[in-house]
Amino acid sequence: MNPFRKRLIIIGSGAFLIIAAGAIAAYLIATNNRISIDTASIQAPLIDLTTAVPGTLNAVYVQAGDTVAANQPVASVGNQIITSKVAGLIVQVNDTIGAQVSPGQTVVEMIDPSQLRVVGSIDENKGLARVRVGDPVTFTVDAFGGQSFAGVVDEIAPTSNQSGIVFNISSQRETQQFDIKARFDTSAYPQLRNGMSARMQIYVQ
């Protein structure tokens, strides 16, 4: 094939992809296929490290903000050494040395950063039925201005968030809210931290 012609085909293909991407974005906006959640946050499930037996809190070996390995000692209660279950980040510590600790009482809280999700609540009458697991998501984080991050819907809460009840004044009916969780590549976005405020855009069919 003529090199000049081949170059024209490559350039034309690239232009087509750019035009197609723009057309898709315009279509999503024009057809209202984007659901916005203005109040969201970066979250990971808390992992409670507890004691199995009652005893005195003798020592704490970590503090909030520390990174720990799996099975690393984090505290000593009586004759028991409490260890981390997985590698992760310490977020809260009971450091009252000499305090009595009951079985099952949390001594240290940690998270697994690989389980971070962007989580937002949506009213049941504002597009919940249109959201599906696998829907693409973009989100911004207040700490990083207009920088956009990408993810995908990972979980739709099976039950409502009762603490987030909104009342519709016109009918006095309760409007329930449901949590939407979206996963993202935590290795690609190491700057994202547990508890950061965010805004989500969900692109639905």
Protein backbone atom coordinates (compact mmCIF):
# COMPACT_ATOMS: atom_id res chain seq x y z
CA MET A 1 0.00 0.00 0.00
CA ASN A 2 1.18 3.52 -0.75
CA PRO A 3 2.73 4.97 2.49
CA PHE A 4 0.94 8.27 1.99
CA ARG A 5 -2.42 6.53 1.60
CA LYS A 6 -1.69 4.34 4.63
CA ARG A 7 -0.99 7.47 6.68
CA LEU A 8 -4.27 9.04 5.56
CA ILE A 9 -6.15 5.91 6.66
CA ILE A 10 -4.49 5.99 10.11
CA ILE A 11 -5.20 9.70 10.55
CA GLY A 12 -8.77 9.19 9.37
CA SER A 13 -9.29 6.32 11.81
CA GLY A 14 -8.03 8.43 14.72
CA ALA A 15 -10.28 11.30 13.78
CA PHE A 16 -13.23 8.94 13.52
CA LEU A 17 -12.57 7.61 17.03
CA ILE A 18 -12.39 11.14 18.44
CA ILE A 19 -15.61 12.13 16.67
CA ALA A 20 -17.31 8.92 17.82
CA ALA A 21 -16.25 9.49 21.44
CA GLY A 22 -17.58 13.04 21.29
CA ALA A 23 -20.84 11.85 19.77
CA ILE A 24 -21.30 9.24 22.49
CA ALA A 25 -20.66 11.81 25.22
CA ALA A 26 -23.09 14.24 23.59
CA TYR A 27 -25.69 11.49 23.27
CA LEU A 28 -25.38 10.55 26.94
CA ILE A 29 -25.88 14.16 28.00
CA ALA A 30 -28.68 14.83 25.53
CA THR A 31 -30.62 11.71 26.45
CA ASN A 32 -30.15 12.26 30.18
CA ASN A 33 -28.24 8.99 30.49
CA ARG A 34 -26.09 10.41 33.25
CA ILE A 35 -27.07 10.26 36.91
CA SER A 36 -25.31 12.67 39.26
CA ILE A 37 -24.64 12.03 42.94
CA ASP A 38 -23.28 15.18 44.54
CA THR A 39 -22.65 13.76 48.01
CA ALA A 40 -20.29 10.80 47.96
CA SER A 41 -17.07 9.75 49.65
CA ILE A 42 -14.13 7.38 49.37
CA GLN A 43 -14.66 4.49 51.78
CA ALA A 44 -13.31 1.08 52.71
CA PRO A 45 -14.91 -1.39 55.15
CA LEU A 46 -13.54 -1.08 58.67
CA ILE A 47 -11.73 -4.13 60.02
CA ASP A 48 -12.08 -4.43 63.80
CA LEU A 49 -9.18 -6.05 65.64
CA THR A 50 -10.54 -7.40 68.92
CA THR A 51 -9.54 -9.56 71.84
CA ALA A 52 -11.03 -13.00 72.43
CA VAL A 53 -10.56 -12.89 76.21
CA PRO A 54 -10.93 -10.17 78.85
CA GLY A 55 -7.79 -8.51 80.09
CA THR A 56 -5.76 -5.36 80.61
CA LEU A 57 -4.53 -3.35 77.65
CA ASN A 58 -0.79 -3.68 78.20
CA ALA A 59 0.62 -2.14 75.06
CA VAL A 60 -0.25 -0.75 71.64
CA TYR A 61 2.36 -1.10 68.90
CA VAL A 62 0.75 1.04 66.20
CA GLN A 63 -0.89 4.41 65.75
CA ALA A 64 -3.41 5.87 63.31
CA GLY A 65 -1.84 6.31 59.90
CA ASP A 66 0.56 3.38 60.20
CA THR A 67 0.80 0.82 57.42
CA VAL A 68 0.93 -2.76 58.66
CA ALA A 69 1.60 -6.16 57.14
CA ALA A 70 -0.68 -9.16 57.55
CA ASN A 71 -0.30 -10.91 60.93
CA GLN A 72 1.66 -8.01 62.40
CA PRO A 73 1.27 -7.50 66.19
CA VAL A 74 -0.73 -4.36 66.92
CA ALA A 75 -1.55 -4.61 70.63
CA SER A 76 -1.25 -6.74 73.76
CA VAL A 77 -4.23 -7.51 76.01
CA GLY A 78 -3.52 -9.72 79.02
CA ASN A 79 -1.62 -12.70 77.64
CA GLN A 80 -2.99 -12.26 74.13
CA ILE A 81 -1.20 -10.56 71.23
CA ILE A 82 -3.66 -9.01 68.78
CA THR A 83 -2.46 -9.12 65.18
CA SER A 84 -3.63 -7.61 61.91
CA LYS A 85 -5.78 -9.87 59.72
CA VAL A 86 -4.57 -8.43 56.41
CA ALA A 87 -2.08 -5.85 55.22
CA GLY A 88 -3.54 -2.38 55.44
CA LEU A 89 -3.78 1.01 57.10
CA ILE A 90 -4.48 1.70 60.77
CA VAL A 91 -7.27 4.27 61.17
CA GLN A 92 -8.08 4.23 64.90
CA VAL A 93 -6.44 2.97 68.09
CA ASN A 94 -7.58 2.56 71.69
CA ASP A 95 -4.38 3.64 73.42
CA THR A 96 -5.63 3.81 77.02
CA ILE A 97 -2.94 1.64 78.54
CA GLY A 98 -4.14 -0.12 81.68
CA ALA A 99 -7.81 -0.09 80.61
CA GLN A 100 -9.86 -3.26 80.96
CA VAL A 101 -10.87 -4.75 77.62
CA SER A 102 -13.85 -7.06 77.19
CA PRO A 103 -14.05 -9.98 74.73
CA GLY A 104 -15.02 -8.69 71.30
CA GLN A 105 -14.15 -5.09 72.17
CA THR A 106 -12.32 -3.27 69.38
CA VAL A 107 -8.76 -2.29 70.24
CA VAL A 108 -7.57 -1.26 66.77
CA GLU A 109 -9.45 -0.40 63.56
CA MET A 110 -7.88 -0.71 60.14
CA ILE A 111 -8.78 -0.80 56.47
CA ASP A 112 -7.53 -2.64 53.42
CA PRO A 113 -6.78 0.19 50.92
CA SER A 114 -7.35 -2.20 48.00
CA GLN A 115 -11.01 -2.29 49.04
CA LEU A 116 -11.54 1.46 48.70
CA ARG A 117 -14.71 2.38 46.83
CA VAL A 118 -16.44 5.64 45.95
CA VAL A 119 -19.82 5.48 47.68
CA GLY A 120 -22.81 7.72 47.12
CA SER A 121 -26.48 7.67 48.08
CA ILE A 122 -29.25 8.07 45.52
CA ASP A 123 -32.98 8.67 46.06
CA GLU A 124 -35.09 5.73 44.89
CA ASN A 125 -37.08 8.02 42.56
CA LYS A 126 -34.06 9.71 40.94
CA GLY A 127 -32.74 6.99 38.70
CA LEU A 128 -32.05 4.06 41.03
CA ALA A 129 -33.95 1.62 38.79
CA ARG A 130 -31.68 2.54 35.85
CA VAL A 131 -28.41 1.80 37.60
CA ARG A 132 -26.78 -1.57 36.93
CA VAL A 133 -23.64 -3.27 38.20
CA GLY A 134 -20.98 -2.65 35.55
CA ASP A 135 -22.19 0.85 34.59
CA PRO A 136 -19.23 3.21 34.00
CA VAL A 137 -18.61 5.92 36.57
CA THR A 138 -16.55 9.07 36.66
CA PHE A 139 -15.95 10.97 39.88
CA THR A 140 -14.14 13.97 41.24
CA VAL A 141 -12.67 14.41 44.70
CA ASP A 142 -12.78 17.74 46.49
CA ALA A 143 -9.12 17.47 47.50
CA PHE A 144 -8.01 17.35 43.86
CA GLY A 145 -10.18 20.00 42.23
CA GLY A 146 -11.39 19.19 38.76
CA GLN A 147 -9.32 16.03 38.24
CA SER A 148 -11.55 13.22 37.01
CA PHE A 149 -11.22 9.57 38.04
CA ALA A 150 -12.80 6.50 36.43
CA GLY A 151 -14.55 3.51 37.93
CA VAL A 152 -17.42 1.10 37.52
CA VAL A 153 -20.51 0.33 39.60
CA ASP A 154 -19.56 -2.55 41.86
CA GLU A 155 -22.55 -2.83 44.21
CA ILE A 156 -26.09 -1.51 44.60
CA ALA A 157 -27.31 -1.74 48.19
CA PRO A 158 -30.11 -4.32 48.53
CA THR A 159 -31.76 -2.33 51.32
CA SER A 160 -32.28 1.38 51.88
CA ASN A 161 -30.17 3.61 54.02
CA GLN A 162 -32.69 4.38 56.76
CA SER A 163 -30.62 7.25 58.12
CA GLY A 164 -30.92 9.02 54.79
CA ILE A 165 -34.73 9.37 54.61
CA VAL A 166 -35.94 12.32 52.57
CA PHE A 167 -39.53 13.54 52.82
CA ASN A 168 -41.47 14.61 49.76
CA ILE A 169 -43.47 17.58 51.03
CA SER A 170 -46.17 17.31 48.36
CA SER A 171 -47.26 13.79 49.26
CA GLN A 172 -45.66 13.18 52.68
CA ARG A 173 -44.34 9.87 51.37
CA GLU A 174 -40.93 8.73 52.49
CA THR A 175 -38.30 8.65 49.77
CA GLN A 176 -35.65 6.09 50.62
CA GLN A 177 -31.99 6.36 49.67
CA PHE A 178 -29.75 3.52 48.52
CA ASP A 179 -25.97 3.36 48.50
CA ILE A 180 -24.16 2.90 45.18
CA LYS A 181 -20.57 1.67 45.36
CA ALA A 182 -18.11 1.97 42.49
CA ARG A 183 -14.72 0.30 42.40
CA PHE A 184 -11.65 1.86 40.82
CA ASP A 185 -8.04 0.94 40.26
CA THR A 186 -6.48 1.84 43.61
CA SER A 187 -2.98 1.31 42.23
CA ALA A 188 -3.64 3.92 39.55
CA TYR A 189 -4.99 6.45 42.07
CA PRO A 190 -2.75 6.11 45.16
CA GLN A 191 -3.57 9.70 46.14
CA LEU A 192 -7.17 8.77 47.05
CA ARG A 193 -7.70 8.34 50.79
CA ASN A 194 -10.39 6.87 53.01
CA GLY A 195 -12.97 9.52 53.95
CA MET A 196 -12.34 11.99 51.10
CA SER A 197 -15.44 13.80 49.80
CA ALA A 198 -16.43 13.09 46.19
CA ARG A 199 -19.02 13.63 43.47
CA MET A 200 -20.13 10.82 41.14
CA GLN A 201 -21.48 10.60 37.61
CA ILE A 202 -23.04 7.25 36.64
CA TYR A 203 -23.57 6.54 32.92
CA VAL A 204 -26.59 4.31 32.47
CA GLN A 205 -28.19 2.55 29.50
